[in-house]
């Protein structure tokens, strides 16, 4: 595990050092950052525990005389489980060199997932961990794979493009999973997304494909969102392609309907209905509700509940965090 983490850490350090050295020769360097940290408690019959979640990015940009911008983005996402007998965590590292211009933005190195950034819905019961468990078959597949790599001697390297074509925001990425052990575990992941945004509504279409060894997974997601006054909501439908594993084949779909109501500038209510129809024999309807209070400083508290019609008992979540 230590060796697996050293490679992305070294790459991130190299990108950071190169960026800082070049930026020192520039008159103006733009530095921006964003992130979130939370402490979460989950309580349920078959699902519980405490964990720390952190996700953040630092970006460096400097301009040239020909209107090009060069820079780097460095980030980390981590789940740290606090009450396990054997301590472990899941961490994903991101470090890319960036070139921006009228053509859009090109990122090379270890970019973040396209699908996870373009498909954004309220978290299940306000919990990042529960939301990842729900979304890994759809828009969070690449994010899920990156986090799992913290327990393997491998990493994903690739290139990502973000741009605007007419009224559409578009993004695409191609990444390769390294085969550090030489046992045929190398893989490839492709993502592509297009989003059209009007004043009060938006529509997003994206697809992802993951191939590794004898496994091939692909899915296509369609999201429609809208807002009016204090109310917002939408629907995400994900069609799962065939999963080839040992000669078998299955497909299915996941639907997520969600709505939010701003009680005030600080208090917000979220509700979701999630319908699973996968692997030929799993048909489950899940429900999520949470309420959050956000202070103007960035601190927040969230309380939520998650349950299902048949196979899932109630799971309660309480989160304390800070967003910056």
C-alpha atoms as a PDB file:
ATOM      1  CA  UNK A   1       0.000   0.000   0.000  1.00  0.00           C
ATOM      2  CA  UNK A   2       2.841   2.387   0.808  1.00  0.00           C
ATOM      3  CA  UNK A   3       4.437   1.789  -2.606  1.00  0.00           C
ATOM      4  CA  UNK A   4       1.090   2.351  -4.300  1.00  0.00           C
ATOM      5  CA  UNK A   5       0.743   5.737  -2.652  1.00  0.00           C
ATOM      6  CA  UNK A   6       4.333   6.860  -3.220  1.00  0.00           C
ATOM      7  CA  UNK A   7       4.041   7.010  -7.019  1.00  0.00           C
ATOM      8  CA  UNK A   8       1.115   9.467  -7.160  1.00  0.00           C
ATOM      9  CA  UNK A   9       2.619  11.468  -4.301  1.00  0.00           C
ATOM     10  CA  UNK A  10       5.900  11.798  -6.208  1.00  0.00           C
ATOM     11  CA  UNK A  11       4.083  12.788  -9.393  1.00  0.00           C
ATOM     12  CA  UNK A  12       2.036  15.369  -7.510  1.00  0.00           C
ATOM     13  CA  UNK A  13       5.204  16.755  -5.933  1.00  0.00           C
ATOM     14  CA  UNK A  14       6.917  16.938  -9.341  1.00  0.00           C
ATOM     15  CA  UNK A  15       4.004  18.806 -10.895  1.00  0.00           C
ATOM     16  CA  UNK A  16       3.862  21.158  -7.926  1.00  0.00           C
ATOM     17  CA  UNK A  17       7.618  21.841  -8.052  1.00  0.00           C
ATOM     18  CA  UNK A  18       7.632  22.459 -11.800  1.00  0.00           C
ATOM     19  CA  UNK A  19       4.644  24.777 -11.524  1.00  0.00           C
ATOM     20  CA  UNK A  20       6.126  26.746  -8.634  1.00  0.00           C
ATOM     21  CA  UNK A  21       9.509  27.131 -10.367  1.00  0.00           C
ATOM     22  CA  UNK A  22       7.983  28.409 -13.606  1.00  0.00           C
ATOM     23  CA  UNK A  23       5.511  30.632 -11.768  1.00  0.00           C
ATOM     24  CA  UNK A  24       8.314  32.438  -9.954  1.00  0.00           C
ATOM     25  CA  UNK A  25       9.383  33.873 -13.305  1.00  0.00           C
ATOM     26  CA  UNK A  26       5.908  35.270 -13.998  1.00  0.00           C
ATOM     27  CA  UNK A  27       4.537  38.632 -12.873  1.00  0.00           C
ATOM     28  CA  UNK A  28       1.114  37.313 -11.951  1.00  0.00           C
ATOM     29  CA  UNK A  29       0.222  33.843 -10.812  1.00  0.00           C
ATOM     30  CA  UNK A  30      -3.373  32.893 -10.054  1.00  0.00           C
ATOM     31  CA  UNK A  31      -3.769  30.433  -7.191  1.00  0.00           C
ATOM     32  CA  UNK A  32      -7.146  29.010  -6.243  1.00  0.00           C
ATOM     33  CA  UNK A  33      -8.285  26.224  -3.949  1.00  0.00           C
ATOM     34  CA  UNK A  34     -11.471  24.469  -2.905  1.00  0.00           C
ATOM     35  CA  UNK A  35     -12.434  21.493  -0.794  1.00  0.00           C
ATOM     36  CA  UNK A  36     -14.514  19.866   1.871  1.00  0.00           C
ATOM     37  CA  UNK A  37     -13.788  17.952   5.081  1.00  0.00           C
ATOM     38  CA  UNK A  38     -16.348  16.030   7.146  1.00  0.00           C
ATOM     39  CA  UNK A  39     -16.696  13.699  10.099  1.00  0.00           C
ATOM     40  CA  UNK A  40     -19.572  11.261   9.580  1.00  0.00           C
ATOM     41  CA  UNK A  41     -21.380   8.776  11.784  1.00  0.00           C
ATOM     42  CA  UNK A  42     -23.489   6.023  10.199  1.00  0.00           C
ATOM     43  CA  UNK A  43     -25.835   3.938  12.341  1.00  0.00           C
ATOM     44  CA  UNK A  44     -27.765   0.955  11.015  1.00  0.00           C
ATOM     45  CA  UNK A  45     -28.406  -2.731  11.692  1.00  0.00           C
ATOM     46  CA  UNK A  46     -26.072  -3.944   8.942  1.00  0.00           C
ATOM     47  CA  UNK A  47     -24.195  -0.748   8.108  1.00  0.00           C
ATOM     48  CA  UNK A  48     -22.516   1.568  10.597  1.00  0.00           C
ATOM     49  CA  UNK A  49     -19.341   3.255  11.738  1.00  0.00           C
ATOM     50  CA  UNK A  50     -17.469   6.529  11.775  1.00  0.00           C
ATOM     51  CA  UNK A  51     -15.293   7.930   9.022  1.00  0.00           C
ATOM     52  CA  UNK A  52     -13.425  11.024   7.940  1.00  0.00           C
ATOM     53  CA  UNK A  53     -13.887  12.366   4.414  1.00  0.00           C
ATOM     54  CA  UNK A  54     -11.710  14.935   2.677  1.00  0.00           C
ATOM     55  CA  UNK A  55     -11.641  16.223  -0.883  1.00  0.00           C
ATOM     56  CA  UNK A  56      -9.654  19.204  -2.103  1.00  0.00           C
ATOM     57  CA  UNK A  57      -7.820  20.830  -5.017  1.00  0.00           C
ATOM     58  CA  UNK A  58      -5.183  23.517  -5.493  1.00  0.00           C
ATOM     59  CA  UNK A  59      -4.824  25.155  -8.927  1.00  0.00           C
ATOM     60  CA  UNK A  60      -2.014  27.301 -10.313  1.00  0.00           C
ATOM     61  CA  UNK A  61      -2.361  29.382 -13.488  1.00  0.00           C
ATOM     62  CA  UNK A  62      -0.218  31.917 -15.294  1.00  0.00           C
ATOM     63  CA  UNK A  63      -0.831  33.682 -18.598  1.00  0.00           C
ATOM     64  CA  UNK A  64       1.382  34.272 -21.634  1.00  0.00           C
ATOM     65  CA  UNK A  65       1.395  37.018 -24.242  1.00  0.00           C
ATOM     66  CA  UNK A  66      -0.554  34.883 -26.720  1.00  0.00           C
ATOM     67  CA  UNK A  67      -3.553  34.418 -24.354  1.00  0.00           C
ATOM     68  CA  UNK A  68      -2.557  30.886 -23.402  1.00  0.00           C
ATOM     69  CA  UNK A  69      -2.640  29.804 -19.782  1.00  0.00           C
ATOM     70  CA  UNK A  70      -0.341  27.177 -18.317  1.00  0.00           C
ATOM     71  CA  UNK A  71      -0.583  25.607 -14.904  1.00  0.00           C
ATOM     72  CA  UNK A  72      -1.237  22.584 -12.761  1.00  0.00           C
ATOM     73  CA  UNK A  73      -4.001  21.091 -10.665  1.00  0.00           C
ATOM     74  CA  UNK A  74      -3.179  18.986  -7.610  1.00  0.00           C
ATOM     75  CA  UNK A  75      -5.824  17.245  -5.510  1.00  0.00           C
ATOM     76  CA  UNK A  76      -6.666  14.425  -3.138  1.00  0.00           C
ATOM     77  CA  UNK A  77      -9.818  12.580  -2.076  1.00  0.00           C
ATOM     78  CA  UNK A  78      -9.781  10.274   0.935  1.00  0.00           C
ATOM     79  CA  UNK A  79     -12.016   8.173   3.177  1.00  0.00           C
ATOM     80  CA  UNK A  80     -10.493   7.342   6.551  1.00  0.00           C
ATOM     81  CA  UNK A  81     -12.403   4.760   8.604  1.00  0.00           C
ATOM     82  CA  UNK A  82     -12.042   5.570  12.285  1.00  0.00           C
ATOM     83  CA  UNK A  83     -13.393   2.555  14.154  1.00  0.00           C
ATOM     84  CA  UNK A  84     -11.970  -0.427  12.299  1.00  0.00           C
ATOM     85  CA  UNK A  85      -9.926  -3.126  14.049  1.00  0.00           C
ATOM     86  CA  UNK A  86      -7.348  -2.867  11.258  1.00  0.00           C
ATOM     87  CA  UNK A  87      -6.895   0.725  10.172  1.00  0.00           C
ATOM     88  CA  UNK A  88      -7.140   1.427   6.465  1.00  0.00           C
ATOM     89  CA  UNK A  89      -8.339   4.136   4.141  1.00  0.00           C
ATOM     90  CA  UNK A  90      -9.240   4.771   0.523  1.00  0.00           C
ATOM     91  CA  UNK A  91      -7.410   7.612  -1.192  1.00  0.00           C
ATOM     92  CA  UNK A  92      -7.208   8.946  -4.731  1.00  0.00           C
ATOM     93  CA  UNK A  93      -4.505  11.371  -5.864  1.00  0.00           C
ATOM     94  CA  UNK A  94      -4.775  13.804  -8.762  1.00  0.00           C
ATOM     95  CA  UNK A  95      -1.996  15.774 -10.433  1.00  0.00           C
ATOM     96  CA  UNK A  96      -2.127  17.228 -13.951  1.00  0.00           C
ATOM     97  CA  UNK A  97      -0.328  19.740 -16.108  1.00  0.00           C
ATOM     98  CA  UNK A  98      -2.815  22.105 -17.780  1.00  0.00           C
ATOM     99  CA  UNK A  99      -2.912  24.185 -20.971  1.00  0.00           C
ATOM    100  CA  UNK A 100      -5.890  26.524 -21.513  1.00  0.00           C
ATOM    101  CA  UNK A 101      -6.887  28.674 -24.461  1.00  0.00           C
ATOM    102  CA  UNK A 102      -9.765  29.486 -26.804  1.00  0.00           C
ATOM    103  CA  UNK A 103      -9.758  25.819 -27.783  1.00  0.00           C
ATOM    104  CA  UNK A 104     -10.632  24.759 -24.207  1.00  0.00           C
ATOM    105  CA  UNK A 105      -8.545  23.050 -21.528  1.00  0.00           C
ATOM    106  CA  UNK A 106      -6.242  20.044 -21.845  1.00  0.00           C
ATOM    107  CA  UNK A 107      -5.109  18.215 -18.695  1.00  0.00           C
ATOM    108  CA  UNK A 108      -2.369  15.563 -18.773  1.00  0.00           C
ATOM    109  CA  UNK A 109      -1.329  13.326 -15.873  1.00  0.00           C
ATOM    110  CA  UNK A 110      -3.815  11.936 -13.361  1.00  0.00           C
ATOM    111  CA  UNK A 111      -7.059  13.867 -14.042  1.00  0.00           C
ATOM    112  CA  UNK A 112     -10.302  13.730 -12.093  1.00  0.00           C
ATOM    113  CA  UNK A 113     -13.320  11.856 -13.422  1.00  0.00           C
ATOM    114  CA  UNK A 114     -15.371  13.658 -16.068  1.00  0.00           C
ATOM    115  CA  UNK A 115     -18.639  11.926 -15.166  1.00  0.00           C
ATOM    116  CA  UNK A 116     -18.367  12.620 -11.423  1.00  0.00           C
ATOM    117  CA  UNK A 117     -17.917  16.340 -12.020  1.00  0.00           C
ATOM    118  CA  UNK A 118     -20.744  16.762 -14.538  1.00  0.00           C
ATOM    119  CA  UNK A 119     -23.377  14.575 -12.839  1.00  0.00           C
ATOM    120  CA  UNK A 120     -24.003  16.259  -9.479  1.00  0.00           C
ATOM    121  CA  UNK A 121     -27.026  15.351  -7.343  1.00  0.00           C
ATOM    122  CA  UNK A 122     -27.667  15.602  -3.577  1.00  0.00           C
ATOM    123  CA  UNK A 123     -25.725  12.999  -1.596  1.00  0.00           C
ATOM    124  CA  UNK A 124     -27.655   9.990  -0.340  1.00  0.00           C
ATOM    125  CA  UNK A 125     -28.750  10.903   3.224  1.00  0.00           C
ATOM    126  CA  UNK A 126     -26.017  13.551   3.082  1.00  0.00           C
ATOM    127  CA  UNK A 127     -23.307  10.847   3.183  1.00  0.00           C
ATOM    128  CA  UNK A 128     -20.424  10.708   0.700  1.00  0.00           C
ATOM    129  CA  UNK A 129     -19.858   7.014   1.481  1.00  0.00           C
ATOM    130  CA  UNK A 130     -23.481   5.977   0.904  1.00  0.00           C
ATOM    131  CA  UNK A 131     -23.565   8.039  -2.277  1.00  0.00           C
ATOM    132  CA  UNK A 132     -20.445   6.294  -3.603  1.00  0.00           C
ATOM    133  CA  UNK A 133     -22.049   2.904  -2.892  1.00  0.00           C
ATOM    134  CA  UNK A 134     -25.036   3.943  -5.008  1.00  0.00           C
ATOM    135  CA  UNK A 135     -23.220   5.739  -7.815  1.00  0.00           C
ATOM    136  CA  UNK A 136     -20.278   3.448  -8.570  1.00  0.00           C
ATOM    137  CA  UNK A 137     -22.233   1.566 -11.269  1.00  0.00           C
ATOM    138  CA  UNK A 138     -23.012   4.841 -13.055  1.00  0.00           C
ATOM    139  CA  UNK A 139     -21.421   8.273 -13.030  1.00  0.00           C
ATOM    140  CA  UNK A 140     -18.997   7.496 -10.167  1.00  0.00           C
ATOM    141  CA  UNK A 141     -17.355   4.435 -11.752  1.00  0.00           C
ATOM    142  CA  UNK A 142     -13.981   6.102 -12.443  1.00  0.00           C
ATOM    143  CA  UNK A 143     -13.927   7.780  -9.031  1.00  0.00           C
ATOM    144  CA  UNK A 144     -14.652   4.391  -7.422  1.00  0.00           C
ATOM    145  CA  UNK A 145     -11.834   2.667  -9.335  1.00  0.00           C
ATOM    146  CA  UNK A 146      -9.379   5.433  -8.404  1.00  0.00           C
ATOM    147  CA  UNK A 147     -10.192   5.076  -4.710  1.00  0.00           C
ATOM    148  CA  UNK A 148      -9.809   1.302  -4.813  1.00  0.00           C
ATOM    149  CA  UNK A 149      -6.337   1.662  -6.331  1.00  0.00           C
ATOM    150  CA  UNK A 150      -5.081   2.873  -2.948  1.00  0.00           C
ATOM    151  CA  UNK A 151      -4.920  -0.816  -1.975  1.00  0.00           C
ATOM    152  CA  UNK A 152      -3.036  -1.890  -5.123  1.00  0.00           C
ATOM    153  CA  UNK A 153       0.324  -1.171  -6.671  1.00  0.00           C
ATOM    154  CA  UNK A 154      -1.136   0.659  -9.669  1.00  0.00           C
ATOM    155  CA  UNK A 155      -2.291   4.041 -10.857  1.00  0.00           C
ATOM    156  CA  UNK A 156      -4.295   5.635 -13.668  1.00  0.00           C
ATOM    157  CA  UNK A 157      -2.638   8.062 -16.076  1.00  0.00           C
ATOM    158  CA  UNK A 158      -4.370   9.827 -18.925  1.00  0.00           C
ATOM    159  CA  UNK A 159      -5.477  12.962 -20.713  1.00  0.00           C
ATOM    160  CA  UNK A 160      -8.667  15.004 -20.351  1.00  0.00           C
ATOM    161  CA  UNK A 161     -10.274  17.705 -22.501  1.00  0.00           C
ATOM    162  CA  UNK A 162     -12.866  20.303 -21.416  1.00  0.00           C
ATOM    163  CA  UNK A 163     -14.368  22.802 -23.843  1.00  0.00           C
ATOM    164  CA  UNK A 164     -17.424  24.576 -25.229  1.00  0.00           C
ATOM    165  CA  UNK A 165     -19.014  23.784 -28.577  1.00  0.00           C
ATOM    166  CA  UNK A 166     -21.865  26.188 -29.330  1.00  0.00           C
ATOM    167  CA  UNK A 167     -24.257  26.017 -26.356  1.00  0.00           C
ATOM    168  CA  UNK A 168     -22.806  22.740 -25.101  1.00  0.00           C
ATOM    169  CA  UNK A 169     -20.150  22.150 -22.465  1.00  0.00           C
ATOM    170  CA  UNK A 170     -18.235  19.024 -23.452  1.00  0.00           C
ATOM    171  CA  UNK A 171     -15.583  16.915 -21.748  1.00  0.00           C
ATOM    172  CA  UNK A 172     -13.779  13.688 -22.543  1.00  0.00           C
ATOM    173  CA  UNK A 173     -10.977  11.668 -20.985  1.00  0.00           C
ATOM    174  CA  UNK A 174      -8.922   8.578 -21.755  1.00  0.00           C
ATOM    175  CA  UNK A 175      -6.944   6.874 -18.981  1.00  0.00           C
ATOM    176  CA  UNK A 176      -4.832   3.750 -18.661  1.00  0.00           C
ATOM    177  CA  UNK A 177      -4.531   1.625 -15.554  1.00  0.00           C
ATOM    178  CA  UNK A 178      -0.935   0.529 -15.064  1.00  0.00           C
ATOM    179  CA  UNK A 179      -0.043  -3.169 -14.740  1.00  0.00           C
ATOM    180  CA  UNK A 180       2.546  -2.944 -11.983  1.00  0.00           C
ATOM    181  CA  UNK A 181       2.655  -6.687 -11.314  1.00  0.00           C
ATOM    182  CA  UNK A 182       2.915  -7.756 -14.974  1.00  0.00           C
ATOM    183  CA  UNK A 183      -0.007 -10.165 -14.582  1.00  0.00           C
ATOM    184  CA  UNK A 184      -2.333  -8.741 -17.229  1.00  0.00           C
ATOM    185  CA  UNK A 185      -4.214  -6.333 -14.940  1.00  0.00           C
ATOM    186  CA  UNK A 186      -3.683  -3.263 -17.136  1.00  0.00           C
ATOM    187  CA  UNK A 187      -6.920  -1.557 -18.135  1.00  0.00           C
ATOM    188  CA  UNK A 188      -8.445   1.352 -20.005  1.00  0.00           C
ATOM    189  CA  UNK A 189     -11.188   3.822 -19.136  1.00  0.00           C
ATOM    190  CA  UNK A 190     -12.923   6.248 -21.506  1.00  0.00           C
ATOM    191  CA  UNK A 191     -15.445   8.949 -20.559  1.00  0.00           C
ATOM    192  CA  UNK A 192     -17.330  11.519 -22.616  1.00  0.00           C
ATOM    193  CA  UNK A 193     -19.974  14.054 -21.495  1.00  0.00           C
ATOM    194  CA  UNK A 194     -22.031  16.822 -23.125  1.00  0.00           C
ATOM    195  CA  UNK A 195     -24.156  19.329 -21.153  1.00  0.00           C
ATOM    196  CA  UNK A 196     -26.666  21.934 -22.327  1.00  0.00           C
ATOM    197  CA  UNK A 197     -27.572  24.588 -19.737  1.00  0.00           C
ATOM    198  CA  UNK A 198     -30.413  27.104 -20.044  1.00  0.00           C
ATOM    199  CA  UNK A 199     -31.484  29.706 -17.466  1.00  0.00           C
ATOM    200  CA  UNK A 200     -33.532  27.396 -15.248  1.00  0.00           C
ATOM    201  CA  UNK A 201     -32.800  23.903 -16.509  1.00  0.00           C
ATOM    202  CA  UNK A 202     -30.031  21.720 -17.889  1.00  0.00           C
ATOM    203  CA  UNK A 203     -29.638  18.375 -19.598  1.00  0.00           C
ATOM    204  CA  UNK A 204     -26.504  16.210 -19.459  1.00  0.00           C
ATOM    205  CA  UNK A 205     -25.600  13.061 -21.384  1.00  0.00           C
ATOM    206  CA  UNK A 206     -22.510  10.989 -20.637  1.00  0.00           C
ATOM    207  CA  UNK A 207     -21.013   7.558 -21.066  1.00  0.00           C
ATOM    208  CA  UNK A 208     -18.153   5.621 -19.466  1.00  0.00           C
ATOM    209  CA  UNK A 209     -16.418   2.366 -20.387  1.00  0.00           C
ATOM    210  CA  UNK A 210     -13.980   0.386 -18.264  1.00  0.00           C
ATOM    211  CA  UNK A 211     -11.997  -2.628 -19.460  1.00  0.00           C
ATOM    212  CA  UNK A 212      -9.558  -4.670 -17.371  1.00  0.00           C
ATOM    213  CA  UNK A 213      -8.543  -8.284 -17.786  1.00  0.00           C
ATOM    214  CA  UNK A 214     -11.704 -10.255 -18.492  1.00  0.00           C
ATOM    215  CA  UNK A 215     -14.032  -7.498 -17.259  1.00  0.00           C
ATOM    216  CA  UNK A 216     -15.808  -4.971 -19.462  1.00  0.00           C
ATOM    217  CA  UNK A 217     -18.224  -2.477 -17.900  1.00  0.00           C
ATOM    218  CA  UNK A 218     -20.026   0.362 -19.638  1.00  0.00           C
ATOM    219  CA  UNK A 219     -22.917   2.656 -18.767  1.00  0.00           C
ATOM    220  CA  UNK A 220     -24.707   5.684 -20.220  1.00  0.00           C
ATOM    221  CA  UNK A 221     -26.369   8.332 -18.054  1.00  0.00           C
ATOM    222  CA  UNK A 222     -28.921  11.035 -18.841  1.00  0.00           C
ATOM    223  CA  UNK A 223     -29.623  13.791 -16.337  1.00  0.00           C
ATOM    224  CA  UNK A 224     -32.293  16.526 -16.415  1.00  0.00           C
ATOM    225  CA  UNK A 225     -32.252  19.232 -13.739  1.00  0.00           C
ATOM    226  CA  UNK A 226     -34.282  22.365 -13.123  1.00  0.00           C
ATOM    227  CA  UNK A 227     -34.934  25.026 -10.502  1.00  0.00           C
ATOM    228  CA  UNK A 228     -37.570  27.626  -9.753  1.00  0.00           C
ATOM    229  CA  UNK A 229     -37.428  29.848  -6.709  1.00  0.00           C
ATOM    230  CA  UNK A 230     -36.628  27.788  -3.630  1.00  0.00           C
ATOM    231  CA  UNK A 231     -37.324  24.438  -5.302  1.00  0.00           C
ATOM    232  CA  UNK A 232     -34.906  22.412  -7.458  1.00  0.00           C
ATOM    233  CA  UNK A 233     -34.804  18.841  -8.638  1.00  0.00           C
ATOM    234  CA  UNK A 234     -34.268  16.423 -11.448  1.00  0.00           C
ATOM    235  CA  UNK A 235     -33.863  12.888 -12.668  1.00  0.00           C
ATOM    236  CA  UNK A 236     -30.815  10.783 -13.561  1.00  0.00           C
ATOM    237  CA  UNK A 237     -31.339   7.619 -15.596  1.00  0.00           C
ATOM    238  CA  UNK A 238     -28.394   5.253 -16.086  1.00  0.00           C
ATOM    239  CA  UNK A 239     -28.501   2.395 -18.552  1.00  0.00           C
ATOM    240  CA  UNK A 240     -26.000  -0.296 -17.656  1.00  0.00           C
ATOM    241  CA  UNK A 241     -24.417  -2.159 -20.530  1.00  0.00           C
ATOM    242  CA  UNK A 242     -23.383  -5.763 -20.472  1.00  0.00           C
ATOM    243  CA  UNK A 243     -20.942  -6.875 -17.801  1.00  0.00           C
ATOM    244  CA  UNK A 244     -18.715  -9.602 -19.205  1.00  0.00           C
ATOM    245  CA  UNK A 245     -17.176 -11.732 -16.468  1.00  0.00           C
ATOM    246  CA  UNK A 246     -16.403 -15.388 -16.932  1.00  0.00           C
ATOM    247  CA  UNK A 247     -18.586 -15.599 -20.024  1.00  0.00           C
ATOM    248  CA  UNK A 248     -21.737 -14.203 -18.367  1.00  0.00           C
ATOM    249  CA  UNK A 249     -23.661 -11.134 -19.442  1.00  0.00           C
ATOM    250  CA  UNK A 250     -26.104  -8.927 -17.553  1.00  0.00           C
ATOM    251  CA  UNK A 251     -27.476  -5.443 -17.868  1.00  0.00           C
ATOM    252  CA  UNK A 252     -29.961  -3.205 -16.099  1.00  0.00           C
ATOM    253  CA  UNK A 253     -30.711   0.381 -15.116  1.00  0.00           C
ATOM    254  CA  UNK A 254     -30.630   2.803 -12.197  1.00  0.00           C
ATOM    255  CA  UNK A 255     -33.020   5.757 -11.834  1.00  0.00           C
ATOM    256  CA  UNK A 256     -32.580   8.587  -9.319  1.00  0.00           C
ATOM    257  CA  UNK A 257     -35.309  11.217  -8.820  1.00  0.00           C
ATOM    258  CA  UNK A 258     -34.373  14.010  -6.441  1.00  0.00           C
ATOM    259  CA  UNK A 259     -35.798  17.276  -5.110  1.00  0.00           C
ATOM    260  CA  UNK A 260     -34.497  20.022  -2.830  1.00  0.00           C
ATOM    261  CA  UNK A 261     -36.200  22.857  -0.963  1.00  0.00           C
ATOM    262  CA  UNK A 262     -34.387  25.886   0.440  1.00  0.00           C
ATOM    263  CA  UNK A 263     -36.185  26.606   3.716  1.00  0.00           C
ATOM    264  CA  UNK A 264     -33.857  29.579   4.184  1.00  0.00           C
ATOM    265  CA  UNK A 265     -30.393  30.655   3.094  1.00  0.00           C
ATOM    266  CA  UNK A 266     -28.953  28.293   5.702  1.00  0.00           C
ATOM    267  CA  UNK A 267     -31.414  25.363   5.882  1.00  0.00           C
ATOM    268  CA  UNK A 268     -32.027  22.939   3.004  1.00  0.00           C
ATOM    269  CA  UNK A 269     -34.110  19.770   2.634  1.00  0.00           C
ATOM    270  CA  UNK A 270     -33.222  16.987   0.166  1.00  0.00           C
ATOM    271  CA  UNK A 271     -35.192  13.897  -0.836  1.00  0.00           C
ATOM    272  CA  UNK A 272     -34.447  11.067  -3.288  1.00  0.00           C
ATOM    273  CA  UNK A 273     -36.042   7.948  -4.701  1.00  0.00           C
ATOM    274  CA  UNK A 274     -33.613   5.450  -6.257  1.00  0.00           C
ATOM    275  CA  UNK A 275     -34.718   2.459  -8.298  1.00  0.00           C
ATOM    276  CA  UNK A 276     -32.286  -0.419  -9.010  1.00  0.00           C
ATOM    277  CA  UNK A 277     -32.984  -2.975 -11.723  1.00  0.00           C
ATOM    278  CA  UNK A 278     -29.720  -4.837 -12.268  1.00  0.00           C
ATOM    279  CA  UNK A 279     -28.217  -8.305 -12.781  1.00  0.00           C
ATOM    280  CA  UNK A 280     -31.547  -9.759 -13.864  1.00  0.00           C
ATOM    281  CA  UNK A 281     -32.818 -10.493 -10.345  1.00  0.00           C
ATOM    282  CA  UNK A 282     -32.269  -7.336  -8.272  1.00  0.00           C
ATOM    283  CA  UNK A 283     -35.159  -4.872  -8.259  1.00  0.00           C
ATOM    284  CA  UNK A 284     -34.982  -2.521  -5.276  1.00  0.00           C
ATOM    285  CA  UNK A 285     -36.469   0.886  -4.489  1.00  0.00           C
ATOM    286  CA  UNK A 286     -34.484   3.041  -2.061  1.00  0.00           C
ATOM    287  CA  UNK A 287     -35.410   6.245  -0.262  1.00  0.00           C
ATOM    288  CA  UNK A 288     -33.237   9.040   1.102  1.00  0.00           C
ATOM    289  CA  UNK A 289     -33.999  12.180   3.096  1.00  0.00           C
ATOM    290  CA  UNK A 290     -31.727  14.697   4.798  1.00  0.00           C
ATOM    291  CA  UNK A 291     -31.723  18.200   6.226  1.00  0.00           C
ATOM    292  CA  UNK A 292     -28.653  20.432   6.382  1.00  0.00           C
ATOM    293  CA  UNK A 293     -27.675  23.670   8.061  1.00  0.00           C
ATOM    294  CA  UNK A 294     -24.867  25.676   6.503  1.00  0.00           C
ATOM    295  CA  UNK A 295     -23.253  28.632   8.241  1.00  0.00           C
ATOM    296  CA  UNK A 296     -21.912  31.526   6.196  1.00  0.00           C
ATOM    297  CA  UNK A 297     -18.385  30.652   7.364  1.00  0.00           C
ATOM    298  CA  UNK A 298     -18.552  27.330   5.458  1.00  0.00           C
ATOM    299  CA  UNK A 299     -19.260  25.097   8.466  1.00  0.00           C
ATOM    300  CA  UNK A 300     -22.258  22.783   8.196  1.00  0.00           C
ATOM    301  CA  UNK A 301     -24.186  20.002   9.923  1.00  0.00           C
ATOM    302  CA  UNK A 302     -26.304  17.383   8.191  1.00  0.00           C
ATOM    303  CA  UNK A 303     -28.688  14.660   9.361  1.00  0.00           C
ATOM    304  CA  UNK A 304     -30.276  12.075   7.085  1.00  0.00           C
ATOM    305  CA  UNK A 305     -31.874   8.653   6.764  1.00  0.00           C
ATOM    306  CA  UNK A 306     -31.624   6.019   4.040  1.00  0.00           C
ATOM    307  CA  UNK A 307     -33.808   2.942   3.652  1.00  0.00           C
ATOM    308  CA  UNK A 308     -35.183   0.440   1.152  1.00  0.00           C
ATOM    309  CA  UNK A 309     -38.401  -1.442   0.522  1.00  0.00           C
ATOM    310  CA  UNK A 310     -37.008  -4.933   1.108  1.00  0.00           C
ATOM    311  CA  UNK A 311     -33.312  -5.612   1.624  1.00  0.00           C
ATOM    312  CA  UNK A 312     -32.051  -2.480   3.404  1.00  0.00           C
ATOM    313  CA  UNK A 313     -32.925  -1.463   6.970  1.00  0.00           C
ATOM    314  CA  UNK A 314     -32.853   2.178   8.018  1.00  0.00           C
ATOM    315  CA  UNK A 315     -29.392   3.775   8.031  1.00  0.00           C
ATOM    316  CA  UNK A 316     -28.997   7.096   9.843  1.00  0.00           C
ATOM    317  CA  UNK A 317     -26.234   9.569   9.034  1.00  0.00           C
ATOM    318  CA  UNK A 318     -24.945  12.604  10.923  1.00  0.00           C
ATOM    319  CA  UNK A 319     -22.217  14.777   9.402  1.00  0.00           C
ATOM    320  CA  UNK A 320     -20.181  17.701  10.679  1.00  0.00           C
ATOM    321  CA  UNK A 321     -18.002  19.475   8.188  1.00  0.00           C
ATOM    322  CA  UNK A 322     -16.480  22.538   6.614  1.00  0.00           C
ATOM    323  CA  UNK A 323     -16.518  23.592   2.976  1.00  0.00           C
ATOM    324  CA  UNK A 324     -13.955  26.039   1.625  1.00  0.00           C
END
